[in-house]
Amino acid sequence: MQIIKISQLIIAILLIVSILMQNRGGGLSNVFGGGGNVYMTKRGLEKKLFIATIVLSVLFFSVSLLAIIL
């Protein structure tokens, strides 16, 4: 049980770091048509960081469900 809590903490910290390292968009201006680069493709490090964020969020969700079940 202690391993689950520690892994959840580590994944949460990594998830926060990966989100903060991503480029910031236009915020709400993109929602209302203010952003012109909405469909820009991700390349290089930006793409790897995007995929890592998705993987970390799925891992965090899975570990959290496991902590609830156990």
PDB file of N, CA and C in Angstrom:
ATOM      1  N   MET A   1       0.827  -1.200   0.000  1.00  0.00           N
ATOM      2  CA  MET A   1       0.000   0.000   0.000  1.00  0.00           C
ATOM      3  C   MET A   1       0.865   1.255   0.000  1.00  0.00           C
ATOM      4  N   GLN A   2       1.981   1.193   0.701  1.00  0.00           N
ATOM      5  CA  GLN A   2       2.882   2.340   0.763  1.00  0.00           C
ATOM      6  C   GLN A   2       3.519   2.601  -0.605  1.00  0.00           C
ATOM      7  N   ILE A   3       3.778   1.526  -1.358  1.00  0.00           N
ATOM      8  CA  ILE A   3       4.376   1.675  -2.685  1.00  0.00           C
ATOM      9  C   ILE A   3       3.413   2.396  -3.622  1.00  0.00           C
ATOM     10  N   ILE A   4       2.136   2.130  -3.483  1.00  0.00           N
ATOM     11  CA  ILE A   4       1.137   2.788  -4.333  1.00  0.00           C
ATOM     12  C   ILE A   4       1.109   4.286  -4.051  1.00  0.00           C
ATOM     13  N   LYS A   5       1.168   4.662  -2.785  1.00  0.00           N
ATOM     14  CA  LYS A   5       1.147   6.089  -2.437  1.00  0.00           C
ATOM     15  C   LYS A   5       2.399   6.802  -2.930  1.00  0.00           C
ATOM     16  N   ILE A   6       3.548   6.138  -2.797  1.00  0.00           N
ATOM     17  CA  ILE A   6       4.801   6.747  -3.249  1.00  0.00           C
ATOM     18  C   ILE A   6       4.811   6.884  -4.765  1.00  0.00           C
ATOM     19  N   SER A   7       4.359   5.840  -5.470  1.00  0.00           N
ATOM     20  CA  SER A   7       4.320   5.923  -6.931  1.00  0.00           C
ATOM     21  C   SER A   7       3.317   6.972  -7.399  1.00  0.00           C
ATOM     22  N   GLN A   8       2.214   7.114  -6.696  1.00  0.00           N
ATOM     23  CA  GLN A   8       1.228   8.137  -7.039  1.00  0.00           C
ATOM     24  C   GLN A   8       1.824   9.533  -6.863  1.00  0.00           C
ATOM     25  N   LEU A   9       2.586   9.732  -5.823  1.00  0.00           N
ATOM     26  CA  LEU A   9       3.231  11.022  -5.589  1.00  0.00           C
ATOM     27  C   LEU A   9       4.266  11.331  -6.669  1.00  0.00           C
ATOM     28  N   ILE A  10       5.074  10.341  -7.027  1.00  0.00           N
ATOM     29  CA  ILE A  10       6.098  10.544  -8.053  1.00  0.00           C
ATOM     30  C   ILE A  10       5.460  10.828  -9.408  1.00  0.00           C
ATOM     31  N   ILE A  11       4.425  10.072  -9.756  1.00  0.00           N
ATOM     32  CA  ILE A  11       3.739  10.293 -11.034  1.00  0.00           C
ATOM     33  C   ILE A  11       3.079  11.667 -11.056  1.00  0.00           C
ATOM     34  N   ALA A  12       2.512  12.092  -9.935  1.00  0.00           N
ATOM     35  CA  ALA A  12       1.873  13.412  -9.874  1.00  0.00           C
ATOM     36  C   ALA A  12       2.890  14.527 -10.089  1.00  0.00           C
ATOM     37  N   ILE A  13       4.056  14.400  -9.481  1.00  0.00           N
ATOM     38  CA  ILE A  13       5.097  15.418  -9.652  1.00  0.00           C
ATOM     39  C   ILE A  13       5.577  15.452 -11.097  1.00  0.00           C
ATOM     40  N   LEU A  14       5.799  14.273 -11.692  1.00  0.00           N
ATOM     41  CA  LEU A  14       6.227  14.214 -13.090  1.00  0.00           C
ATOM     42  C   LEU A  14       5.163  14.770 -14.031  1.00  0.00           C
ATOM     43  N   LEU A  15       3.901  14.518 -13.716  1.00  0.00           N
ATOM     44  CA  LEU A  15       2.804  15.037 -14.534  1.00  0.00           C
ATOM     45  C   LEU A  15       2.743  16.561 -14.465  1.00  0.00           C
ATOM     46  N   ILE A  16       2.916  17.112 -13.292  1.00  0.00           N
ATOM     47  CA  ILE A  16       2.916  18.570 -13.133  1.00  0.00           C
ATOM     48  C   ILE A  16       4.069  19.195 -13.906  1.00  0.00           C
ATOM     49  N   VAL A  17       5.247  18.580 -13.809  1.00  0.00           N
ATOM     50  CA  VAL A  17       6.415  19.104 -14.523  1.00  0.00           C
ATOM     51  C   VAL A  17       6.206  19.034 -16.033  1.00  0.00           C
ATOM     52  N   SER A  18       5.657  17.921 -16.513  1.00  0.00           N
ATOM     53  CA  SER A  18       5.453  17.793 -17.962  1.00  0.00           C
ATOM     54  C   SER A  18       4.409  18.779 -18.476  1.00  0.00           C
ATOM     55  N   ILE A  19       3.411  19.078 -17.681  1.00  0.00           N
ATOM     56  CA  ILE A  19       2.407  20.068 -18.094  1.00  0.00           C
ATOM     57  C   ILE A  19       3.010  21.471 -18.099  1.00  0.00           C
ATOM     58  N   LEU A  20       3.808  21.782 -17.102  1.00  0.00           N
ATOM     59  CA  LEU A  20       4.398  23.120 -17.026  1.00  0.00           C
ATOM     60  C   LEU A  20       5.452  23.359 -18.102  1.00  0.00           C
ATOM     61  N   MET A  21       6.074  22.291 -18.602  1.00  0.00           N
ATOM     62  CA  MET A  21       7.108  22.445 -19.624  1.00  0.00           C
ATOM     63  C   MET A  21       6.542  22.651 -21.026  1.00  0.00           C
ATOM     64  N   GLN A  22       5.262  22.405 -21.212  1.00  0.00           N
ATOM     65  CA  GLN A  22       4.665  22.547 -22.539  1.00  0.00           C
ATOM     66  C   GLN A  22       4.503  24.015 -22.895  1.00  0.00           C
ATOM     67  N   ASN A  23       4.509  24.279 -24.213  1.00  0.00           N
ATOM     68  CA  ASN A  23       4.306  25.650 -24.691  1.00  0.00           C
ATOM     69  C   ASN A  23       2.897  26.099 -24.374  1.00  0.00           C
ATOM     70  N   ARG A  24       2.796  27.341 -23.999  1.00  0.00           N
ATOM     71  CA  ARG A  24       1.475  27.884 -23.685  1.00  0.00           C
ATOM     72  C   ARG A  24       0.806  28.348 -24.966  1.00  0.00           C
ATOM     73  N   GLY A  25      -0.491  28.051 -25.065  1.00  0.00           N
ATOM     74  CA  GLY A  25      -1.260  28.498 -26.227  1.00  0.00           C
ATOM     75  C   GLY A  25      -1.846  29.868 -25.965  1.00  0.00           C
ATOM     76  N   GLY A  26      -2.845  30.195 -26.726  1.00  0.00           N
ATOM     77  CA  GLY A  26      -3.481  31.491 -26.590  1.00  0.00           C
ATOM     78  C   GLY A  26      -4.538  31.540 -25.511  1.00  0.00           C
ATOM     79  N   GLY A  27      -4.760  30.430 -24.829  1.00  0.00           N
ATOM     80  CA  GLY A  27      -5.770  30.400 -23.781  1.00  0.00           C
ATOM     81  C   GLY A  27      -7.167  30.412 -24.353  1.00  0.00           C
ATOM     82  N   LEU A  28      -8.023  31.240 -23.791  1.00  0.00           N
ATOM     83  CA  LEU A  28      -9.410  31.304 -24.246  1.00  0.00           C
ATOM     84  C   LEU A  28      -9.559  31.995 -25.593  1.00  0.00           C
ATOM     85  N   SER A  29      -8.546  32.726 -26.027  1.00  0.00           N
ATOM     86  CA  SER A  29      -8.660  33.381 -27.333  1.00  0.00           C
ATOM     87  C   SER A  29      -8.713  32.359 -28.457  1.00  0.00           C
ATOM     88  N   ASN A  30      -8.094  31.195 -28.274  1.00  0.00           N
ATOM     89  CA  ASN A  30      -8.174  30.141 -29.286  1.00  0.00           C
ATOM     90  C   ASN A  30      -9.577  29.559 -29.381  1.00  0.00           C
ATOM     91  N   VAL A  31     -10.293  29.541 -28.283  1.00  0.00           N
ATOM     92  CA  VAL A  31     -11.643  28.990 -28.285  1.00  0.00           C
ATOM     93  C   VAL A  31     -12.576  29.860 -29.114  1.00  0.00           C
ATOM     94  N   PHE A  32     -12.390  31.159 -29.050  1.00  0.00           N
ATOM     95  CA  PHE A  32     -13.291  32.080 -29.737  1.00  0.00           C
ATOM     96  C   PHE A  32     -12.742  32.559 -31.075  1.00  0.00           C
ATOM     97  N   GLY A  33     -11.795  31.832 -31.653  1.00  0.00           N
ATOM     98  CA  GLY A  33     -11.306  32.150 -32.989  1.00  0.00           C
ATOM     99  C   GLY A  33     -10.131  33.092 -33.032  1.00  0.00           C
ATOM    100  N   GLY A  34      -9.487  33.356 -31.934  1.00  0.00           N
ATOM    101  CA  GLY A  34      -8.363  34.281 -31.926  1.00  0.00           C
ATOM    102  C   GLY A  34      -7.042  33.655 -32.305  1.00  0.00           C
ATOM    103  N   GLY A  35      -6.963  32.329 -32.270  1.00  0.00           N
ATOM    104  CA  GLY A  35      -5.699  31.664 -32.581  1.00  0.00           C
ATOM    105  C   GLY A  35      -5.688  31.117 -33.985  1.00  0.00           C
ATOM    106  N   GLY A  36      -4.613  31.386 -34.709  1.00  0.00           N
ATOM    107  CA  GLY A  36      -4.516  30.905 -36.068  1.00  0.00           C
ATOM    108  C   GLY A  36      -3.778  29.586 -36.192  1.00  0.00           C
ATOM    109  N   ASN A  37      -3.053  29.177 -35.167  1.00  0.00           N
ATOM    110  CA  ASN A  37      -2.251  27.964 -35.258  1.00  0.00           C
ATOM    111  C   ASN A  37      -2.861  26.825 -34.438  1.00  0.00           C
ATOM    112  N   VAL A  38      -4.148  26.643 -34.560  1.00  0.00           N
ATOM    113  CA  VAL A  38      -4.844  25.627 -33.777  1.00  0.00           C
ATOM    114  C   VAL A  38      -4.446  24.232 -34.227  1.00  0.00           C
ATOM    115  N   TYR A  39      -4.287  24.034 -35.530  1.00  0.00           N
ATOM    116  CA  TYR A  39      -4.019  22.705 -36.066  1.00  0.00           C
ATOM    117  C   TYR A  39      -2.548  22.503 -36.413  1.00  0.00           C
ATOM    118  N   MET A  40      -1.654  23.158 -35.703  1.00  0.00           N
ATOM    119  CA  MET A  40      -0.233  23.011 -35.944  1.00  0.00           C
ATOM    120  C   MET A  40       0.234  21.647 -35.436  1.00  0.00           C
ATOM    121  N   THR A  41       1.040  20.951 -36.227  1.00  0.00           N
ATOM    122  CA  THR A  41       1.516  19.632 -35.809  1.00  0.00           C
ATOM    123  C   THR A  41       2.659  19.775 -34.819  1.00  0.00           C
ATOM    124  N   LYS A  42       2.718  18.829 -33.919  1.00  0.00           N
ATOM    125  CA  LYS A  42       3.779  18.826 -32.921  1.00  0.00           C
ATOM    126  C   LYS A  42       4.963  18.046 -33.480  1.00  0.00           C
ATOM    127  N   ARG A  43       6.169  18.533 -33.232  1.00  0.00           N
ATOM    128  CA  ARG A  43       7.367  17.871 -33.728  1.00  0.00           C
ATOM    129  C   ARG A  43       8.428  17.855 -32.643  1.00  0.00           C
ATOM    130  N   GLY A  44       9.291  16.857 -32.709  1.00  0.00           N
ATOM    131  CA  GLY A  44      10.461  16.794 -31.850  1.00  0.00           C
ATOM    132  C   GLY A  44      10.120  16.645 -30.383  1.00  0.00           C
ATOM    133  N   LEU A  45      10.758  17.482 -29.585  1.00  0.00           N
ATOM    134  CA  LEU A  45      10.605  17.417 -28.133  1.00  0.00           C
ATOM    135  C   LEU A  45       9.180  17.738 -27.699  1.00  0.00           C
ATOM    136  N   GLU A  46       8.533  18.639 -28.415  1.00  0.00           N
ATOM    137  CA  GLU A  46       7.152  19.003 -28.071  1.00  0.00           C
ATOM    138  C   GLU A  46       6.218  17.801 -28.206  1.00  0.00           C
ATOM    139  N   LYS A  47       6.431  16.991 -29.240  1.00  0.00           N
ATOM    140  CA  LYS A  47       5.607  15.801 -29.445  1.00  0.00           C
ATOM    141  C   LYS A  47       5.870  14.763 -28.358  1.00  0.00           C
ATOM    142  N   LYS A  48       7.144  14.563 -28.011  1.00  0.00           N
ATOM    143  CA  LYS A  48       7.494  13.599 -26.963  1.00  0.00           C
ATOM    144  C   LYS A  48       6.941  14.030 -25.613  1.00  0.00           C
ATOM    145  N   LEU A  49       6.977  15.320 -25.346  1.00  0.00           N
ATOM    146  CA  LEU A  49       6.438  15.843 -24.093  1.00  0.00           C
ATOM    147  C   LEU A  49       4.923  15.694 -24.042  1.00  0.00           C
ATOM    148  N   PHE A  50       4.256  15.879 -25.167  1.00  0.00           N
ATOM    149  CA  PHE A  50       2.811  15.708 -25.259  1.00  0.00           C
ATOM    150  C   PHE A  50       2.418  14.257 -24.994  1.00  0.00           C
ATOM    151  N   ILE A  51       3.138  13.328 -25.612  1.00  0.00           N
ATOM    152  CA  ILE A  51       2.857  11.904 -25.411  1.00  0.00           C
ATOM    153  C   ILE A  51       3.167  11.497 -23.974  1.00  0.00           C
ATOM    154  N   ALA A  52       4.260  12.011 -23.415  1.00  0.00           N
ATOM    155  CA  ALA A  52       4.606  11.701 -22.027  1.00  0.00           C
ATOM    156  C   ALA A  52       3.533  12.204 -21.066  1.00  0.00           C
ATOM    157  N   THR A  53       2.944  13.358 -21.360  1.00  0.00           N
ATOM    158  CA  THR A  53       1.876  13.893 -20.519  1.00  0.00           C
ATOM    159  C   THR A  53       0.652  12.988 -20.548  1.00  0.00           C
ATOM    160  N   ILE A  54       0.319  12.484 -21.727  1.00  0.00           N
ATOM    161  CA  ILE A  54      -0.823  11.570 -21.837  1.00  0.00           C
ATOM    162  C   ILE A  54      -0.552  10.273 -21.087  1.00  0.00           C
ATOM    163  N   VAL A  55       0.646   9.714 -21.259  1.00  0.00           N
ATOM    164  CA  VAL A  55       1.004   8.463 -20.579  1.00  0.00           C
ATOM    165  C   VAL A  55       0.996   8.649 -19.068  1.00  0.00           C
ATOM    166  N   LEU A  56       1.561   9.752 -18.597  1.00  0.00           N
ATOM    167  CA  LEU A  56       1.587  10.010 -17.157  1.00  0.00           C
ATOM    168  C   LEU A  56       0.189  10.210 -16.590  1.00  0.00           C
ATOM    169  N   SER A  57      -0.683  10.857 -17.346  1.00  0.00           N
ATOM    170  CA  SER A  57      -2.047  11.050 -16.841  1.00  0.00           C
ATOM    171  C   SER A  57      -2.805   9.730 -16.767  1.00  0.00           C
ATOM    172  N   VAL A  58      -2.601   8.841 -17.744  1.00  0.00           N
ATOM    173  CA  VAL A  58      -3.236   7.520 -17.698  1.00  0.00           C
ATOM    174  C   VAL A  58      -2.672   6.704 -16.539  1.00  0.00           C
ATOM    175  N   LEU A  59      -1.361   6.777 -16.331  1.00  0.00           N
ATOM    176  CA  LEU A  59      -0.748   6.077 -15.199  1.00  0.00           C
ATOM    177  C   LEU A  59      -1.272   6.596 -13.866  1.00  0.00           C
ATOM    178  N   PHE A  60      -1.386   7.922 -13.756  1.00  0.00           N
ATOM    179  CA  PHE A  60      -1.886   8.503 -12.514  1.00  0.00           C
ATOM    180  C   PHE A  60      -3.318   8.067 -12.241  1.00  0.00           C
ATOM    181  N   PHE A  61      -4.138   8.062 -13.281  1.00  0.00           N
ATOM    182  CA  PHE A  61      -5.523   7.625 -13.143  1.00  0.00           C
ATOM    183  C   PHE A  61      -5.585   6.159 -12.719  1.00  0.00           C
ATOM    184  N   SER A  62      -4.756   5.323 -13.331  1.00  0.00           N
ATOM    185  CA  SER A  62      -4.750   3.893 -13.012  1.00  0.00           C
ATOM    186  C   SER A  62      -4.286   3.629 -11.586  1.00  0.00           C
ATOM    187  N   VAL A  63      -3.229   4.304 -11.177  1.00  0.00           N
ATOM    188  CA  VAL A  63      -2.716   4.114  -9.819  1.00  0.00           C
ATOM    189  C   VAL A  63      -3.714   4.639  -8.796  1.00  0.00           C
ATOM    190  N   SER A  64      -4.401   5.716  -9.125  1.00  0.00           N
ATOM    191  CA  SER A  64      -5.412   6.249  -8.209  1.00  0.00           C
ATOM    192  C   SER A  64      -6.581   5.283  -8.049  1.00  0.00           C
ATOM    193  N   LEU A  65      -7.024   4.680  -9.150  1.00  0.00           N
ATOM    194  CA  LEU A  65      -8.081   3.671  -9.058  1.00  0.00           C
ATOM    195  C   LEU A  65      -7.626   2.461  -8.253  1.00  0.00           C
ATOM    196  N   LEU A  66      -6.383   2.065  -8.451  1.00  0.00           N
ATOM    197  CA  LEU A  66      -5.834   0.940  -7.697  1.00  0.00           C
ATOM    198  C   LEU A  66      -5.773   1.256  -6.208  1.00  0.00           C
ATOM    199  N   ALA A  67      -5.435   2.496  -5.871  1.00  0.00           N
ATOM    200  CA  ALA A  67      -5.388   2.894  -4.464  1.00  0.00           C
ATOM    201  C   ALA A  67      -6.779   2.891  -3.841  1.00  0.00           C
ATOM    202  N   ILE A  68      -7.787   3.227  -4.622  1.00  0.00           N
ATOM    203  CA  ILE A  68      -9.159   3.213  -4.103  1.00  0.00           C
ATOM    204  C   ILE A  68      -9.640   1.785  -3.891  1.00  0.00           C
ATOM    205  N   ILE A  69      -9.314   0.918  -4.853  1.00  0.00           N
ATOM    206  CA  ILE A  69      -9.776  -0.468  -4.772  1.00  0.00           C
ATOM    207  C   ILE A  69      -9.119  -1.214  -3.616  1.00  0.00           C
ATOM    208  N   LEU A  70      -7.821  -0.999  -3.431  1.00  0.00           N
ATOM    209  CA  LEU A  70      -7.108  -1.736  -2.370  1.00  0.00           C
ATOM    210  C   LEU A  70      -7.268  -1.126  -1.021  1.00  0.00           C
TER     211      LEU A  70
END
